[in-house]
Amino acid sequence: MKRYNKVMVCMSFLLVSTLVGCSQKDIENTSDVTSAIISNDTLRLNQLTENAEQTLSIIHESADVLYYENGYPYIHDILTNYTDNTITETEYCMLAYDIDGMPLKLYWNFLDSSAECSYDYVVRTENVNLLPNQTENYNGGWSLYDGEKMADYPQVGNGEANQVAYSLFCLKEVVFENGSVWSNPEYDNFFQTYAGKQVDVDTLQNYYPYIYNLKTD
């Protein structure tokens, strides 16, 4: 894996008219419910963001499975820094799931011939330089090996990256410019809950934004 800077169908006329009328009403009711859900979700996200801005926190806004122009898949995650220090390094875990929420074993570091497939992958990034109140803004992300599309790469396993529909990220450690280090006290719980286990699709779809609250002395 390499990070480049540059994851969905004979009745009377009266009966038919009645059914059509009922169907139209159902559609209108469904539209109202959908609008209410969207409004509630937007309100919830705004409240979460507002609360995060008022405390020392970091937010994983999203981690989407995207594709380069040549069809190669990659995971693009977005991080926001709501602390008063610049983030210089991060260490975090990545998990992948198919459309049904089943965990996927991947050759995450497919450029390393000695690497083995695993449900999880922990990576450390340096030179992050994420300023206070700033959101990451870059092109590209963590490349996934897809054996069906990446013919110019050495063959590694079955390359099941084309099955990845969801990805969960969780920060394990953050290093700041002033030398302080934050270790996520919830990381072990995250790992025990999600790594290598089937996860309900609703949970996967509503995992983000994932907020890390930093406690200071």
C-alpha atoms as a PDB file:
ATOM      1  CA  MET A   1       0.000   0.000   0.000  1.00  0.00           C
ATOM      2  CA  LYS A   2       1.224   3.442  -0.827  1.00  0.00           C
ATOM      3  CA  ARG A   3      -0.215   6.830  -0.047  1.00  0.00           C
ATOM      4  CA  TYR A   4      -0.303   9.288  -2.929  1.00  0.00           C
ATOM      5  CA  ASN A   5      -0.659  13.061  -2.307  1.00  0.00           C
ATOM      6  CA  LYS A   6      -1.883  14.626  -5.415  1.00  0.00           C
ATOM      7  CA  VAL A   7     -17.443   3.451  -1.315  1.00  0.00           C
ATOM      8  CA  MET A   8     -25.903   2.052  -4.764  1.00  0.00           C
ATOM      9  CA  VAL A   9     -39.773  -1.945  -9.946  1.00  0.00           C
ATOM     10  CA  CYS A  10     -58.259  -7.012 -15.544  1.00  0.00           C
ATOM     11  CA  MET A  11     -59.466  -4.513 -12.761  1.00  0.00           C
ATOM     12  CA  SER A  12     -62.136  -1.784 -12.906  1.00  0.00           C
ATOM     13  CA  PHE A  13     -61.225   1.830 -13.580  1.00  0.00           C
ATOM     14  CA  LEU A  14     -62.390   2.820 -10.093  1.00  0.00           C
ATOM     15  CA  LEU A  15     -60.178   0.270  -8.371  1.00  0.00           C
ATOM     16  CA  VAL A  16     -57.166   1.266 -10.411  1.00  0.00           C
ATOM     17  CA  SER A  17     -57.791   4.945  -9.662  1.00  0.00           C
ATOM     18  CA  THR A  18     -58.086   4.190  -5.950  1.00  0.00           C
ATOM     19  CA  LEU A  19     -54.845   2.220  -5.945  1.00  0.00           C
ATOM     20  CA  VAL A  20     -53.028   4.967  -7.826  1.00  0.00           C
ATOM     21  CA  GLY A  21     -54.353   7.533  -5.401  1.00  0.00           C
ATOM     22  CA  CYS A  22     -53.148   5.473  -2.418  1.00  0.00           C
ATOM     23  CA  SER A  23     -49.764   4.934  -4.021  1.00  0.00           C
ATOM     24  CA  GLN A  24     -49.345   8.649  -4.637  1.00  0.00           C
ATOM     25  CA  LYS A  25     -50.226   9.378  -1.016  1.00  0.00           C
ATOM     26  CA  ASP A  26     -47.725   6.768   0.152  1.00  0.00           C
ATOM     27  CA  ILE A  27     -45.066   8.392  -2.017  1.00  0.00           C
ATOM     28  CA  GLU A  28     -45.834  11.812  -0.560  1.00  0.00           C
ATOM     29  CA  ASN A  29     -45.738  10.407   2.993  1.00  0.00           C
ATOM     30  CA  THR A  30     -42.471   8.613   2.243  1.00  0.00           C
ATOM     31  CA  SER A  31     -41.029  11.829   0.862  1.00  0.00           C
ATOM     32  CA  ASP A  32     -42.015  13.664   4.056  1.00  0.00           C
ATOM     33  CA  VAL A  33     -40.422  10.975   6.226  1.00  0.00           C
ATOM     34  CA  THR A  34     -37.256  10.979   4.113  1.00  0.00           C
ATOM     35  CA  SER A  35     -37.010  14.768   4.366  1.00  0.00           C
ATOM     36  CA  ALA A  36     -37.422  14.537   8.137  1.00  0.00           C
ATOM     37  CA  ILE A  37     -34.678  11.911   8.375  1.00  0.00           C
ATOM     38  CA  ILE A  38     -32.317  13.992   6.269  1.00  0.00           C
ATOM     39  CA  SER A  39     -33.068  17.068   8.374  1.00  0.00           C
ATOM     40  CA  ASN A  40     -32.487  15.148  11.612  1.00  0.00           C
ATOM     41  CA  ASP A  41     -29.214  13.710  10.299  1.00  0.00           C
ATOM     42  CA  THR A  42     -28.033  17.167   9.232  1.00  0.00           C
ATOM     43  CA  LEU A  43     -28.965  18.596  12.637  1.00  0.00           C
ATOM     44  CA  ARG A  44     -27.128  15.753  14.384  1.00  0.00           C
ATOM     45  CA  LEU A  45     -23.978  16.301  12.306  1.00  0.00           C
ATOM     46  CA  ASN A  46     -24.086  20.053  12.917  1.00  0.00           C
ATOM     47  CA  GLN A  47     -24.461  19.480  16.652  1.00  0.00           C
ATOM     48  CA  LEU A  48     -21.569  17.013  16.677  1.00  0.00           C
ATOM     49  CA  THR A  49     -19.350  19.440  14.801  1.00  0.00           C
ATOM     50  CA  GLU A  50     -20.330  22.348  17.044  1.00  0.00           C
ATOM     51  CA  ASN A  51     -19.574  20.313  20.173  1.00  0.00           C
ATOM     52  CA  ALA A  52     -16.257  19.187  18.699  1.00  0.00           C
ATOM     53  CA  GLU A  53     -15.252  22.774  17.982  1.00  0.00           C
ATOM     54  CA  GLN A  54     -15.907  23.689  21.614  1.00  0.00           C
ATOM     55  CA  THR A  55     -13.598  20.980  22.991  1.00  0.00           C
ATOM     56  CA  LEU A  56     -10.187  19.593  22.140  1.00  0.00           C
ATOM     57  CA  SER A  57     -11.002  16.969  19.571  1.00  0.00           C
ATOM     58  CA  ILE A  58     -10.088  15.369  16.261  1.00  0.00           C
ATOM     59  CA  ILE A  59     -12.687  14.172  13.778  1.00  0.00           C
ATOM     60  CA  HIS A  60     -12.452  11.452  11.178  1.00  0.00           C
ATOM     61  CA  GLU A  61     -14.946  13.006   8.791  1.00  0.00           C
ATOM     62  CA  SER A  62     -15.060  10.029   6.410  1.00  0.00           C
ATOM     63  CA  ALA A  63     -13.114   7.212   4.763  1.00  0.00           C
ATOM     64  CA  ASP A  64     -14.496   6.484   1.290  1.00  0.00           C
ATOM     65  CA  VAL A  65     -13.492   3.873  -1.275  1.00  0.00           C
ATOM     66  CA  LEU A  66     -12.745   5.793  -4.489  1.00  0.00           C
ATOM     67  CA  TYR A  67     -11.124   5.004  -7.835  1.00  0.00           C
ATOM     68  CA  TYR A  68      -8.395   6.615  -9.892  1.00  0.00           C
ATOM     69  CA  GLU A  69      -9.021   7.271 -13.603  1.00  0.00           C
ATOM     70  CA  ASN A  70      -7.316   3.964 -14.450  1.00  0.00           C
ATOM     71  CA  GLY A  71      -9.750   2.074 -12.193  1.00  0.00           C
ATOM     72  CA  TYR A  72      -7.320   1.420  -9.332  1.00  0.00           C
ATOM     73  CA  PRO A  73      -9.144   1.573  -5.961  1.00  0.00           C
ATOM     74  CA  TYR A  74      -8.021   3.606  -2.966  1.00  0.00           C
ATOM     75  CA  ILE A  75      -9.350   4.711   0.413  1.00  0.00           C
ATOM     76  CA  HIS A  76      -9.614   8.466   0.914  1.00  0.00           C
ATOM     77  CA  ASP A  77      -9.951   9.538   4.551  1.00  0.00           C
ATOM     78  CA  ILE A  78     -10.523  13.081   5.796  1.00  0.00           C
ATOM     79  CA  LEU A  79      -9.352  14.327   9.187  1.00  0.00           C
ATOM     80  CA  THR A  80     -10.148  17.604  10.981  1.00  0.00           C
ATOM     81  CA  ASN A  81      -7.991  18.999  13.785  1.00  0.00           C
ATOM     82  CA  TYR A  82      -9.976  20.810  16.488  1.00  0.00           C
ATOM     83  CA  THR A  83      -7.070  21.064  18.928  1.00  0.00           C
ATOM     84  CA  ASP A  84      -4.814  24.034  19.610  1.00  0.00           C
ATOM     85  CA  ASN A  85      -1.698  22.286  18.277  1.00  0.00           C
ATOM     86  CA  THR A  86      -0.515  21.223  14.836  1.00  0.00           C
ATOM     87  CA  ILE A  87      -0.639  17.478  14.205  1.00  0.00           C
ATOM     88  CA  THR A  88       2.640  16.176  12.802  1.00  0.00           C
ATOM     89  CA  GLU A  89       2.235  12.371  12.980  1.00  0.00           C
ATOM     90  CA  THR A  90      -0.630   9.903  13.211  1.00  0.00           C
ATOM     91  CA  GLU A  91      -0.871   6.173  13.755  1.00  0.00           C
ATOM     92  CA  TYR A  92      -4.153   4.477  12.976  1.00  0.00           C
ATOM     93  CA  CYS A  93      -5.834   1.196  12.130  1.00  0.00           C
ATOM     94  CA  MET A  94      -7.727   0.471   8.908  1.00  0.00           C
ATOM     95  CA  LEU A  95     -10.404  -2.210   8.471  1.00  0.00           C
ATOM     96  CA  ALA A  96     -12.334  -3.198   5.344  1.00  0.00           C
ATOM     97  CA  TYR A  97     -15.775  -4.758   4.791  1.00  0.00           C
ATOM     98  CA  ASP A  98     -17.839  -5.932   1.846  1.00  0.00           C
ATOM     99  CA  ILE A  99     -21.327  -4.678   0.984  1.00  0.00           C
ATOM    100  CA  ASP A 100     -22.896  -7.125   3.488  1.00  0.00           C
ATOM    101  CA  GLY A 101     -20.649  -6.058   6.368  1.00  0.00           C
ATOM    102  CA  MET A 102     -18.371  -9.091   6.232  1.00  0.00           C
ATOM    103  CA  PRO A 103     -14.723  -8.369   7.169  1.00  0.00           C
ATOM    104  CA  LEU A 104     -12.184  -8.676   4.362  1.00  0.00           C
ATOM    105  CA  LYS A 105      -8.664 -10.004   4.618  1.00  0.00           C
ATOM    106  CA  LEU A 106      -6.509  -7.843   2.382  1.00  0.00           C
ATOM    107  CA  TYR A 107      -2.894  -7.534   1.361  1.00  0.00           C
ATOM    108  CA  TRP A 108      -2.820  -4.009   2.707  1.00  0.00           C
ATOM    109  CA  ASN A 109       0.908  -3.526   2.119  1.00  0.00           C
ATOM    110  CA  PHE A 110       0.930  -5.241  -1.269  1.00  0.00           C
ATOM    111  CA  LEU A 111       4.239  -3.609  -2.293  1.00  0.00           C
ATOM    112  CA  ASP A 112       5.961  -5.648   0.434  1.00  0.00           C
ATOM    113  CA  SER A 113       6.406  -9.202  -0.903  1.00  0.00           C
ATOM    114  CA  SER A 114       6.757 -10.535   2.646  1.00  0.00           C
ATOM    115  CA  ALA A 115       3.457  -9.025   3.838  1.00  0.00           C
ATOM    116  CA  GLU A 116       0.559 -11.335   4.643  1.00  0.00           C
ATOM    117  CA  CYS A 117      -3.160 -10.702   4.273  1.00  0.00           C
ATOM    118  CA  SER A 118      -4.944  -9.523   7.394  1.00  0.00           C
ATOM    119  CA  TYR A 119      -8.247  -8.076   8.551  1.00  0.00           C
ATOM    120  CA  ASP A 120      -6.518  -5.005   9.955  1.00  0.00           C
ATOM    121  CA  TYR A 121      -3.620  -2.788   9.050  1.00  0.00           C
ATOM    122  CA  VAL A 122      -1.913  -0.284  11.342  1.00  0.00           C
ATOM    123  CA  VAL A 123       0.023   2.466   9.633  1.00  0.00           C
ATOM    124  CA  ARG A 124       1.999   5.484  10.776  1.00  0.00           C
ATOM    125  CA  THR A 125       2.164   8.680   8.748  1.00  0.00           C
ATOM    126  CA  GLU A 126       4.713  11.433   9.269  1.00  0.00           C
ATOM    127  CA  ASN A 127       4.905  15.057   8.110  1.00  0.00           C
ATOM    128  CA  VAL A 128       1.151  15.437   8.432  1.00  0.00           C
ATOM    129  CA  ASN A 129       1.264  19.163   9.284  1.00  0.00           C
ATOM    130  CA  LEU A 130      -2.457  19.474  10.051  1.00  0.00           C
ATOM    131  CA  LEU A 131      -2.955  22.904  11.603  1.00  0.00           C
ATOM    132  CA  PRO A 132      -5.488  23.748  14.344  1.00  0.00           C
ATOM    133  CA  ASN A 133      -9.059  24.086  12.974  1.00  0.00           C
ATOM    134  CA  GLN A 134      -7.902  22.710   9.635  1.00  0.00           C
ATOM    135  CA  THR A 135      -9.307  19.821   7.559  1.00  0.00           C
ATOM    136  CA  GLU A 136      -7.079  17.668   5.383  1.00  0.00           C
ATOM    137  CA  ASN A 137      -7.201  18.645   1.743  1.00  0.00           C
ATOM    138  CA  TYR A 138      -5.320  16.369  -0.633  1.00  0.00           C
ATOM    139  CA  ASN A 139      -5.901  14.130  -3.618  1.00  0.00           C
ATOM    140  CA  GLY A 140      -5.427  10.372  -3.483  1.00  0.00           C
ATOM    141  CA  GLY A 141      -5.187   8.108  -0.467  1.00  0.00           C
ATOM    142  CA  TRP A 142      -4.284   4.559   0.494  1.00  0.00           C
ATOM    143  CA  SER A 143      -4.101   2.366  -2.601  1.00  0.00           C
ATOM    144  CA  LEU A 144      -5.720  -1.072  -2.473  1.00  0.00           C
ATOM    145  CA  TYR A 145      -4.491  -3.986  -4.552  1.00  0.00           C
ATOM    146  CA  ASP A 146      -7.204  -5.163  -6.968  1.00  0.00           C
ATOM    147  CA  GLY A 147      -6.102  -8.288  -8.815  1.00  0.00           C
ATOM    148  CA  GLU A 148      -8.725  -7.789 -11.543  1.00  0.00           C
ATOM    149  CA  LYS A 149      -7.559  -4.323 -12.570  1.00  0.00           C
ATOM    150  CA  MET A 150      -3.934  -3.866 -11.527  1.00  0.00           C
ATOM    151  CA  ALA A 151      -2.347  -6.175 -14.090  1.00  0.00           C
ATOM    152  CA  ASP A 152       0.909  -4.224 -14.109  1.00  0.00           C
ATOM    153  CA  TYR A 153       1.526  -4.987 -10.416  1.00  0.00           C
ATOM    154  CA  PRO A 154       3.011  -8.229  -9.083  1.00  0.00           C
ATOM    155  CA  GLN A 155       0.183 -10.668  -8.335  1.00  0.00           C
ATOM    156  CA  VAL A 156      -0.614 -10.816  -4.630  1.00  0.00           C
ATOM    157  CA  GLY A 157      -3.192 -13.319  -3.383  1.00  0.00           C
ATOM    158  CA  ASN A 158      -6.638 -12.851  -4.900  1.00  0.00           C
ATOM    159  CA  GLY A 159      -6.621  -9.063  -4.672  1.00  0.00           C
ATOM    160  CA  GLU A 160     -10.104  -8.758  -3.184  1.00  0.00           C
ATOM    161  CA  ALA A 161     -10.001  -4.958  -3.079  1.00  0.00           C
ATOM    162  CA  ASN A 162     -12.816  -4.878  -5.633  1.00  0.00           C
ATOM    163  CA  GLN A 163     -15.074  -6.221  -2.849  1.00  0.00           C
ATOM    164  CA  VAL A 164     -14.385  -3.357  -0.424  1.00  0.00           C
ATOM    165  CA  ALA A 165     -17.531  -1.296   0.193  1.00  0.00           C
ATOM    166  CA  TYR A 166     -16.746   0.185   3.634  1.00  0.00           C
ATOM    167  CA  SER A 167     -13.628   1.068   5.573  1.00  0.00           C
ATOM    168  CA  LEU A 168     -13.311   1.902   9.268  1.00  0.00           C
ATOM    169  CA  PHE A 169     -10.430   4.043  10.486  1.00  0.00           C
ATOM    170  CA  CYS A 170      -9.459   4.609  14.100  1.00  0.00           C
ATOM    171  CA  LEU A 171      -6.611   6.739  15.416  1.00  0.00           C
ATOM    172  CA  LYS A 172      -4.282   4.955  17.788  1.00  0.00           C
ATOM    173  CA  GLU A 173      -1.794   7.730  18.481  1.00  0.00           C
ATOM    174  CA  VAL A 174      -1.304  11.376  17.533  1.00  0.00           C
ATOM    175  CA  VAL A 175       1.907  13.403  17.820  1.00  0.00           C
ATOM    176  CA  PHE A 176       1.751  17.195  17.998  1.00  0.00           C
ATOM    177  CA  GLU A 177       4.243  19.836  16.957  1.00  0.00           C
ATOM    178  CA  ASN A 178       4.902  20.807  20.582  1.00  0.00           C
ATOM    179  CA  GLY A 179       6.086  17.250  21.303  1.00  0.00           C
ATOM    180  CA  SER A 180       3.008  16.058  23.161  1.00  0.00           C
ATOM    181  CA  VAL A 181       1.526  12.654  22.310  1.00  0.00           C
ATOM    182  CA  TRP A 182      -2.102  11.549  22.596  1.00  0.00           C
ATOM    183  CA  SER A 183      -2.848   7.828  22.853  1.00  0.00           C
ATOM    184  CA  ASN A 184      -6.457   6.900  22.153  1.00  0.00           C
ATOM    185  CA  PRO A 185      -7.904   5.248  25.302  1.00  0.00           C
ATOM    186  CA  GLU A 186     -10.762   3.808  23.206  1.00  0.00           C
ATOM    187  CA  TYR A 187      -8.528   2.129  20.634  1.00  0.00           C
ATOM    188  CA  ASP A 188      -8.487  -1.341  22.235  1.00  0.00           C
ATOM    189  CA  ASN A 189     -12.274  -1.289  22.491  1.00  0.00           C
ATOM    190  CA  PHE A 190     -12.528  -0.319  18.812  1.00  0.00           C
ATOM    191  CA  PHE A 191     -10.205  -3.131  17.815  1.00  0.00           C
ATOM    192  CA  GLN A 192     -12.016  -5.751  19.882  1.00  0.00           C
ATOM    193  CA  THR A 193     -15.387  -4.611  18.547  1.00  0.00           C
ATOM    194  CA  TYR A 194     -14.655  -4.410  14.825  1.00  0.00           C
ATOM    195  CA  ALA A 195     -11.441  -6.143  13.756  1.00  0.00           C
ATOM    196  CA  GLY A 196     -12.151  -9.347  11.807  1.00  0.00           C
ATOM    197  CA  LYS A 197     -15.838  -9.373  12.778  1.00  0.00           C
ATOM    198  CA  GLN A 198     -19.047  -8.978  10.812  1.00  0.00           C
ATOM    199  CA  VAL A 199     -20.570  -5.530  11.370  1.00  0.00           C
ATOM    200  CA  ASP A 200     -24.153  -4.420  10.821  1.00  0.00           C
ATOM    201  CA  VAL A 201     -24.388  -2.375   7.609  1.00  0.00           C
ATOM    202  CA  ASP A 202     -26.261   0.444   9.393  1.00  0.00           C
ATOM    203  CA  THR A 203     -23.341   0.742  11.795  1.00  0.00           C
ATOM    204  CA  LEU A 204     -20.875   0.934   8.924  1.00  0.00           C
ATOM    205  CA  GLN A 205     -22.946   3.572   7.140  1.00  0.00           C
ATOM    206  CA  ASN A 206     -23.252   5.715  10.279  1.00  0.00           C
ATOM    207  CA  TYR A 207     -19.745   5.279  11.703  1.00  0.00           C
ATOM    208  CA  TYR A 208     -18.589   8.701  10.467  1.00  0.00           C
ATOM    209  CA  PRO A 209     -18.063  11.329  11.596  1.00  0.00           C
ATOM    210  CA  TYR A 210     -16.013   9.587  14.284  1.00  0.00           C
ATOM    211  CA  ILE A 211     -15.029  12.035  17.023  1.00  0.00           C
ATOM    212  CA  TYR A 212     -11.985  11.612  19.268  1.00  0.00           C
ATOM    213  CA  ASN A 213     -12.247  13.694  22.430  1.00  0.00           C
ATOM    214  CA  LEU A 214      -8.850  14.596  23.857  1.00  0.00           C
ATOM    215  CA  LYS A 215      -8.572  15.021  27.584  1.00  0.00           C
ATOM    216  CA  THR A 216      -5.928  17.342  28.953  1.00  0.00           C
ATOM    217  CA  ASP A 217      -4.632  17.831  32.469  1.00  0.00           C
END
